[in-house]
C-alpha atoms as a PDB file:
ATOM      1  CA  UNK A   1      11.737 -24.756 -20.289  1.00  0.00           C
ATOM      2  CA  UNK A   2      10.684 -23.909 -16.712  1.00  0.00           C
ATOM      3  CA  UNK A   3      11.849 -26.247 -13.981  1.00  0.00           C
ATOM      4  CA  UNK A   4       8.717 -26.733 -11.858  1.00  0.00           C
ATOM      5  CA  UNK A   5      10.750 -27.812  -8.822  1.00  0.00           C
ATOM      6  CA  UNK A   6      12.523 -24.443  -8.702  1.00  0.00           C
ATOM      7  CA  UNK A   7      10.709 -22.073  -6.313  1.00  0.00           C
ATOM      8  CA  UNK A   8       9.567 -18.758  -7.810  1.00  0.00           C
ATOM      9  CA  UNK A   9      11.666 -15.682  -7.121  1.00  0.00           C
ATOM     10  CA  UNK A  10       8.542 -13.798  -5.996  1.00  0.00           C
ATOM     11  CA  UNK A  11       5.336 -15.245  -4.564  1.00  0.00           C
ATOM     12  CA  UNK A  12       3.341 -12.161  -5.439  1.00  0.00           C
ATOM     13  CA  UNK A  13       3.405  -8.406  -5.979  1.00  0.00           C
ATOM     14  CA  UNK A  14       1.036  -6.010  -4.209  1.00  0.00           C
ATOM     15  CA  UNK A  15       0.174  -2.521  -5.429  1.00  0.00           C
ATOM     16  CA  UNK A  16      -0.890  -0.156  -2.640  1.00  0.00           C
ATOM     17  CA  UNK A  17      -2.893   2.986  -3.397  1.00  0.00           C
ATOM     18  CA  UNK A  18      -3.554   6.043  -1.231  1.00  0.00           C
ATOM     19  CA  UNK A  19      -6.379   7.841  -3.095  1.00  0.00           C
ATOM     20  CA  UNK A  20      -6.284  11.587  -3.591  1.00  0.00           C
ATOM     21  CA  UNK A  21      -7.601  14.236  -5.941  1.00  0.00           C
ATOM     22  CA  UNK A  22      -4.491  16.436  -5.872  1.00  0.00           C
ATOM     23  CA  UNK A  23      -1.852  13.832  -5.016  1.00  0.00           C
ATOM     24  CA  UNK A  24      -2.366  10.069  -5.236  1.00  0.00           C
ATOM     25  CA  UNK A  25       0.216   7.803  -3.639  1.00  0.00           C
ATOM     26  CA  UNK A  26       1.259   4.401  -4.929  1.00  0.00           C
ATOM     27  CA  UNK A  27       3.633   1.743  -3.655  1.00  0.00           C
ATOM     28  CA  UNK A  28       4.632  -1.707  -4.864  1.00  0.00           C
ATOM     29  CA  UNK A  29       6.075  -4.494  -2.749  1.00  0.00           C
ATOM     30  CA  UNK A  30       7.262  -7.978  -3.649  1.00  0.00           C
ATOM     31  CA  UNK A  31       6.496 -10.856  -1.292  1.00  0.00           C
ATOM     32  CA  UNK A  32       8.462 -14.096  -1.070  1.00  0.00           C
ATOM     33  CA  UNK A  33       7.415 -16.174   1.883  1.00  0.00           C
ATOM     34  CA  UNK A  34       7.717 -13.834   4.867  1.00  0.00           C
ATOM     35  CA  UNK A  35      10.180 -11.545   3.093  1.00  0.00           C
ATOM     36  CA  UNK A  36       9.091  -8.113   1.900  1.00  0.00           C
ATOM     37  CA  UNK A  37      10.992  -6.168  -0.758  1.00  0.00           C
ATOM     38  CA  UNK A  38      10.321  -2.631  -1.941  1.00  0.00           C
ATOM     39  CA  UNK A  39       9.863  -2.400  -5.697  1.00  0.00           C
ATOM     40  CA  UNK A  40       8.774   1.201  -6.239  1.00  0.00           C
ATOM     41  CA  UNK A  41       6.808   4.002  -4.629  1.00  0.00           C
ATOM     42  CA  UNK A  42       5.839   7.537  -5.548  1.00  0.00           C
ATOM     43  CA  UNK A  43       2.985   9.904  -6.246  1.00  0.00           C
ATOM     44  CA  UNK A  44       0.748  10.900  -9.125  1.00  0.00           C
ATOM     45  CA  UNK A  45       0.524  14.712  -9.271  1.00  0.00           C
ATOM     46  CA  UNK A  46      -2.994  15.853 -10.145  1.00  0.00           C
ATOM     47  CA  UNK A  47      -3.199  19.428  -8.822  1.00  0.00           C
ATOM     48  CA  UNK A  48      -2.026  20.834 -12.172  1.00  0.00           C
ATOM     49  CA  UNK A  49      -5.302  19.720 -13.754  1.00  0.00           C
ATOM     50  CA  UNK A  50      -8.155  22.130 -13.026  1.00  0.00           C
ATOM     51  CA  UNK A  51     -10.924  19.935 -14.428  1.00  0.00           C
ATOM     52  CA  UNK A  52     -11.983  17.095 -12.120  1.00  0.00           C
ATOM     53  CA  UNK A  53     -12.879  14.826 -15.052  1.00  0.00           C
ATOM     54  CA  UNK A  54      -9.334  15.176 -16.428  1.00  0.00           C
ATOM     55  CA  UNK A  55      -7.933  14.248 -12.994  1.00  0.00           C
ATOM     56  CA  UNK A  56     -10.047  11.089 -13.014  1.00  0.00           C
ATOM     57  CA  UNK A  57      -8.874  10.266 -16.526  1.00  0.00           C
ATOM     58  CA  UNK A  58      -5.226  10.691 -15.459  1.00  0.00           C
ATOM     59  CA  UNK A  59      -5.777   8.443 -12.410  1.00  0.00           C
ATOM     60  CA  UNK A  60      -7.209   5.692 -14.610  1.00  0.00           C
ATOM     61  CA  UNK A  61      -4.395   6.073 -17.127  1.00  0.00           C
ATOM     62  CA  UNK A  62      -1.562   6.063 -14.549  1.00  0.00           C
ATOM     63  CA  UNK A  63      -2.906   3.165 -12.459  1.00  0.00           C
ATOM     64  CA  UNK A  64      -3.412   1.135 -15.639  1.00  0.00           C
ATOM     65  CA  UNK A  65       0.181   1.905 -16.677  1.00  0.00           C
ATOM     66  CA  UNK A  66       1.518   0.839 -13.255  1.00  0.00           C
ATOM     67  CA  UNK A  67      -0.397  -2.435 -13.481  1.00  0.00           C
ATOM     68  CA  UNK A  68       0.831  -3.135 -16.996  1.00  0.00           C
ATOM     69  CA  UNK A  69       4.418  -2.310 -16.029  1.00  0.00           C
ATOM     70  CA  UNK A  70       4.705  -4.196 -12.718  1.00  0.00           C
ATOM     71  CA  UNK A  71       1.985  -6.878 -13.067  1.00  0.00           C
ATOM     72  CA  UNK A  72       0.744  -6.829  -9.459  1.00  0.00           C
ATOM     73  CA  UNK A  73      -1.235  -9.855  -8.292  1.00  0.00           C
ATOM     74  CA  UNK A  74      -3.416  -7.745  -5.997  1.00  0.00           C
ATOM     75  CA  UNK A  75      -4.229  -4.109  -5.346  1.00  0.00           C
ATOM     76  CA  UNK A  76      -4.798  -2.799  -1.827  1.00  0.00           C
ATOM     77  CA  UNK A  77      -6.475   0.597  -1.535  1.00  0.00           C
ATOM     78  CA  UNK A  78      -7.220   2.821   1.432  1.00  0.00           C
ATOM     79  CA  UNK A  79     -10.895   3.533   2.101  1.00  0.00           C
ATOM     80  CA  UNK A  80     -11.781   7.250   2.087  1.00  0.00           C
ATOM     81  CA  UNK A  81     -11.690   8.939   5.479  1.00  0.00           C
ATOM     82  CA  UNK A  82     -15.081  10.459   6.186  1.00  0.00           C
ATOM     83  CA  UNK A  83     -14.782  14.164   6.943  1.00  0.00           C
ATOM     84  CA  UNK A  84     -17.177  17.057   7.227  1.00  0.00           C
ATOM     85  CA  UNK A  85     -16.714  18.443   3.703  1.00  0.00           C
ATOM     86  CA  UNK A  86     -19.190  16.501   1.563  1.00  0.00           C
ATOM     87  CA  UNK A  87     -17.846  17.830  -1.752  1.00  0.00           C
ATOM     88  CA  UNK A  88     -14.292  16.800  -0.887  1.00  0.00           C
ATOM     89  CA  UNK A  89     -15.503  13.351   0.140  1.00  0.00           C
ATOM     90  CA  UNK A  90     -17.449  12.956  -3.091  1.00  0.00           C
ATOM     91  CA  UNK A  91     -14.370  13.836  -5.163  1.00  0.00           C
ATOM     92  CA  UNK A  92     -12.157  11.521  -3.108  1.00  0.00           C
ATOM     93  CA  UNK A  93     -14.675   8.695  -3.520  1.00  0.00           C
ATOM     94  CA  UNK A  94     -14.652   9.207  -7.276  1.00  0.00           C
ATOM     95  CA  UNK A  95     -10.838   9.094  -7.317  1.00  0.00           C
ATOM     96  CA  UNK A  96     -10.888   5.842  -5.356  1.00  0.00           C
ATOM     97  CA  UNK A  97     -13.577   4.433  -7.652  1.00  0.00           C
ATOM     98  CA  UNK A  98     -11.582   5.231 -10.789  1.00  0.00           C
ATOM     99  CA  UNK A  99      -8.447   3.584  -9.320  1.00  0.00           C
ATOM    100  CA  UNK A 100     -10.563   0.505  -8.529  1.00  0.00           C
ATOM    101  CA  UNK A 101     -12.031   0.554 -12.058  1.00  0.00           C
ATOM    102  CA  UNK A 102      -8.489   0.611 -13.506  1.00  0.00           C
ATOM    103  CA  UNK A 103      -7.614  -2.500 -11.488  1.00  0.00           C
ATOM    104  CA  UNK A 104     -10.856  -4.221 -12.511  1.00  0.00           C
ATOM    105  CA  UNK A 105     -10.138  -3.466 -16.177  1.00  0.00           C
ATOM    106  CA  UNK A 106      -6.797  -5.289 -15.767  1.00  0.00           C
ATOM    107  CA  UNK A 107      -8.392  -8.166 -13.788  1.00  0.00           C
ATOM    108  CA  UNK A 108      -6.440  -7.376 -10.613  1.00  0.00           C
ATOM    109  CA  UNK A 109      -8.207  -8.351  -7.348  1.00  0.00           C
ATOM    110  CA  UNK A 110      -8.932  -5.394  -5.038  1.00  0.00           C
ATOM    111  CA  UNK A 111      -8.793  -5.193  -1.245  1.00  0.00           C
ATOM    112  CA  UNK A 112      -9.881  -2.160   0.786  1.00  0.00           C
ATOM    113  CA  UNK A 113      -8.573  -1.133   4.211  1.00  0.00           C
ATOM    114  CA  UNK A 114      -9.649   1.608   6.606  1.00  0.00           C
ATOM    115  CA  UNK A 115      -6.960   4.193   7.502  1.00  0.00           C
ATOM    116  CA  UNK A 116      -6.882   3.056  11.146  1.00  0.00           C
ATOM    117  CA  UNK A 117      -6.419  -0.570  10.062  1.00  0.00           C
ATOM    118  CA  UNK A 118      -3.441   0.438   7.907  1.00  0.00           C
ATOM    119  CA  UNK A 119      -1.789   2.354  10.757  1.00  0.00           C
ATOM    120  CA  UNK A 120      -2.476  -0.472  13.224  1.00  0.00           C
ATOM    121  CA  UNK A 121      -0.987  -3.063  10.862  1.00  0.00           C
ATOM    122  CA  UNK A 122       2.173  -1.081  10.136  1.00  0.00           C
ATOM    123  CA  UNK A 123       2.949   0.518  13.508  1.00  0.00           C
ATOM    124  CA  UNK A 124       0.743  -1.265  16.040  1.00  0.00           C
ATOM    125  CA  UNK A 125      -1.070   2.011  16.733  1.00  0.00           C
ATOM    126  CA  UNK A 126      -4.279   2.895  14.880  1.00  0.00           C
ATOM    127  CA  UNK A 127      -3.740   6.587  15.708  1.00  0.00           C
ATOM    128  CA  UNK A 128      -0.140   6.787  14.458  1.00  0.00           C
ATOM    129  CA  UNK A 129       0.909   9.847  12.478  1.00  0.00           C
ATOM    130  CA  UNK A 130       1.874   9.740   8.800  1.00  0.00           C
ATOM    131  CA  UNK A 131       5.465  10.373   9.910  1.00  0.00           C
ATOM    132  CA  UNK A 132       5.414   7.364  12.256  1.00  0.00           C
ATOM    133  CA  UNK A 133       4.051   5.161   9.464  1.00  0.00           C
ATOM    134  CA  UNK A 134       6.777   6.404   7.094  1.00  0.00           C
ATOM    135  CA  UNK A 135       9.491   5.821   9.712  1.00  0.00           C
ATOM    136  CA  UNK A 136       8.370   2.250  10.393  1.00  0.00           C
ATOM    137  CA  UNK A 137       8.153   1.489   6.670  1.00  0.00           C
ATOM    138  CA  UNK A 138      11.674   2.837   6.081  1.00  0.00           C
ATOM    139  CA  UNK A 139      12.961   0.260   8.584  1.00  0.00           C
ATOM    140  CA  UNK A 140      10.712  -2.535   7.397  1.00  0.00           C
ATOM    141  CA  UNK A 141      11.494  -2.066   3.691  1.00  0.00           C
ATOM    142  CA  UNK A 142      15.055  -0.766   4.093  1.00  0.00           C
ATOM    143  CA  UNK A 143      14.894   2.593   2.352  1.00  0.00           C
ATOM    144  CA  UNK A 144      16.879   5.573   3.581  1.00  0.00           C
ATOM    145  CA  UNK A 145      15.149   8.671   2.281  1.00  0.00           C
ATOM    146  CA  UNK A 146      11.577   9.390   3.368  1.00  0.00           C
ATOM    147  CA  UNK A 147       9.787  11.315   0.593  1.00  0.00           C
ATOM    148  CA  UNK A 148       8.477  14.835   1.138  1.00  0.00           C
ATOM    149  CA  UNK A 149       4.987  13.786   0.074  1.00  0.00           C
ATOM    150  CA  UNK A 150       3.903  11.135   2.567  1.00  0.00           C
ATOM    151  CA  UNK A 151       1.112   9.998   0.240  1.00  0.00           C
ATOM    152  CA  UNK A 152       3.781   7.684  -1.225  1.00  0.00           C
ATOM    153  CA  UNK A 153       4.566   6.036   2.122  1.00  0.00           C
ATOM    154  CA  UNK A 154       0.855   5.946   2.979  1.00  0.00           C
ATOM    155  CA  UNK A 155       0.336   3.877  -0.181  1.00  0.00           C
ATOM    156  CA  UNK A 156       3.202   1.567   0.791  1.00  0.00           C
ATOM    157  CA  UNK A 157       1.529   1.236   4.177  1.00  0.00           C
ATOM    158  CA  UNK A 158      -1.662  -0.005   2.522  1.00  0.00           C
ATOM    159  CA  UNK A 159       0.337  -2.652   0.608  1.00  0.00           C
ATOM    160  CA  UNK A 160       2.131  -3.758   3.793  1.00  0.00           C
ATOM    161  CA  UNK A 161      -1.183  -3.810   5.678  1.00  0.00           C
ATOM    162  CA  UNK A 162      -2.522  -6.155   2.994  1.00  0.00           C
ATOM    163  CA  UNK A 163       0.524  -8.381   3.426  1.00  0.00           C
ATOM    164  CA  UNK A 164      -0.068  -8.672   7.163  1.00  0.00           C
ATOM    165  CA  UNK A 165      -3.813  -9.191   6.760  1.00  0.00           C
ATOM    166  CA  UNK A 166      -3.709 -11.646   3.845  1.00  0.00           C
ATOM    167  CA  UNK A 167      -0.176 -12.972   3.556  1.00  0.00           C
ATOM    168  CA  UNK A 168       1.624 -13.245   6.864  1.00  0.00           C
ATOM    169  CA  UNK A 169      -1.517 -14.147   8.765  1.00  0.00           C
ATOM    170  CA  UNK A 170      -2.191 -17.069   6.416  1.00  0.00           C
ATOM    171  CA  UNK A 171       1.397 -18.283   6.537  1.00  0.00           C
ATOM    172  CA  UNK A 172       1.865 -17.784  10.259  1.00  0.00           C
ATOM    173  CA  UNK A 173      -0.537 -17.428  13.131  1.00  0.00           C
ATOM    174  CA  UNK A 174       1.941 -15.120  14.814  1.00  0.00           C
ATOM    175  CA  UNK A 175       1.434 -12.230  12.369  1.00  0.00           C
ATOM    176  CA  UNK A 176       3.678  -9.311  13.403  1.00  0.00           C
ATOM    177  CA  UNK A 177       5.526 -11.255  16.085  1.00  0.00           C
ATOM    178  CA  UNK A 178       6.355 -14.112  13.703  1.00  0.00           C
ATOM    179  CA  UNK A 179       7.548 -11.672  11.057  1.00  0.00           C
ATOM    180  CA  UNK A 180       9.852  -9.906  13.538  1.00  0.00           C
ATOM    181  CA  UNK A 181      11.313 -13.219  14.719  1.00  0.00           C
ATOM    182  CA  UNK A 182      12.074 -14.249  11.146  1.00  0.00           C
ATOM    183  CA  UNK A 183      13.366 -10.791  10.142  1.00  0.00           C
ATOM    184  CA  UNK A 184      15.332  -9.391  13.106  1.00  0.00           C
ATOM    185  CA  UNK A 185      17.485  -7.265  10.803  1.00  0.00           C
ATOM    186  CA  UNK A 186      14.449  -5.360   9.470  1.00  0.00           C
ATOM    187  CA  UNK A 187      13.374  -3.725  12.741  1.00  0.00           C
ATOM    188  CA  UNK A 188      16.189  -2.550  14.962  1.00  0.00           C
ATOM    189  CA  UNK A 189      15.015   0.383  17.027  1.00  0.00           C
ATOM    190  CA  UNK A 190      11.257   0.151  16.598  1.00  0.00           C
ATOM    191  CA  UNK A 191       9.218  -1.763  19.193  1.00  0.00           C
ATOM    192  CA  UNK A 192       6.890  -4.510  18.032  1.00  0.00           C
ATOM    193  CA  UNK A 193       3.266  -3.413  17.752  1.00  0.00           C
ATOM    194  CA  UNK A 194       1.027  -4.237  20.671  1.00  0.00           C
ATOM    195  CA  UNK A 195      -2.113  -6.278  20.254  1.00  0.00           C
ATOM    196  CA  UNK A 196      -5.520  -4.709  20.707  1.00  0.00           C
ATOM    197  CA  UNK A 197      -7.124  -5.498  24.034  1.00  0.00           C
END
């Protein structure tokens, strides 16, 4: 029998996705109050599949498996960055759409964030490099080894962005500043992000 007065170990789990047609990043974080914990992060390798339809099938299959394994409460996904190559953008949009469809099929709510919004939320700088995002996340989520493929940390960044946009902001008006006050051990050498003027 569950004791209803006992607080849950985890408030919610967020799955972050960095869409890609050759490599797709994913990251899962657990949230309890204003505490963030890394669950898992990695990449889905798709370059070995020549046929685009097979890639899409593999994306659907792998995202569905992640959802069934970790039971995330929400999925946060990065919006495609609009470039000059229309064909590449079309393929990337399809990859994002299939990942979203996988979440919908498992009844997981979806939230979309622009790349600049993700970088701003994680580092305080909307023009930060992938390396800067990865470095900040390694401090924030206490992992030592930064992966070679930064699609994995990009996906974690989307999940953390969602936390700051939906979670921390609701729980505390201070956002980043409140989080840093409550978690001084998480960020040692990194400066707090500056607010937009």
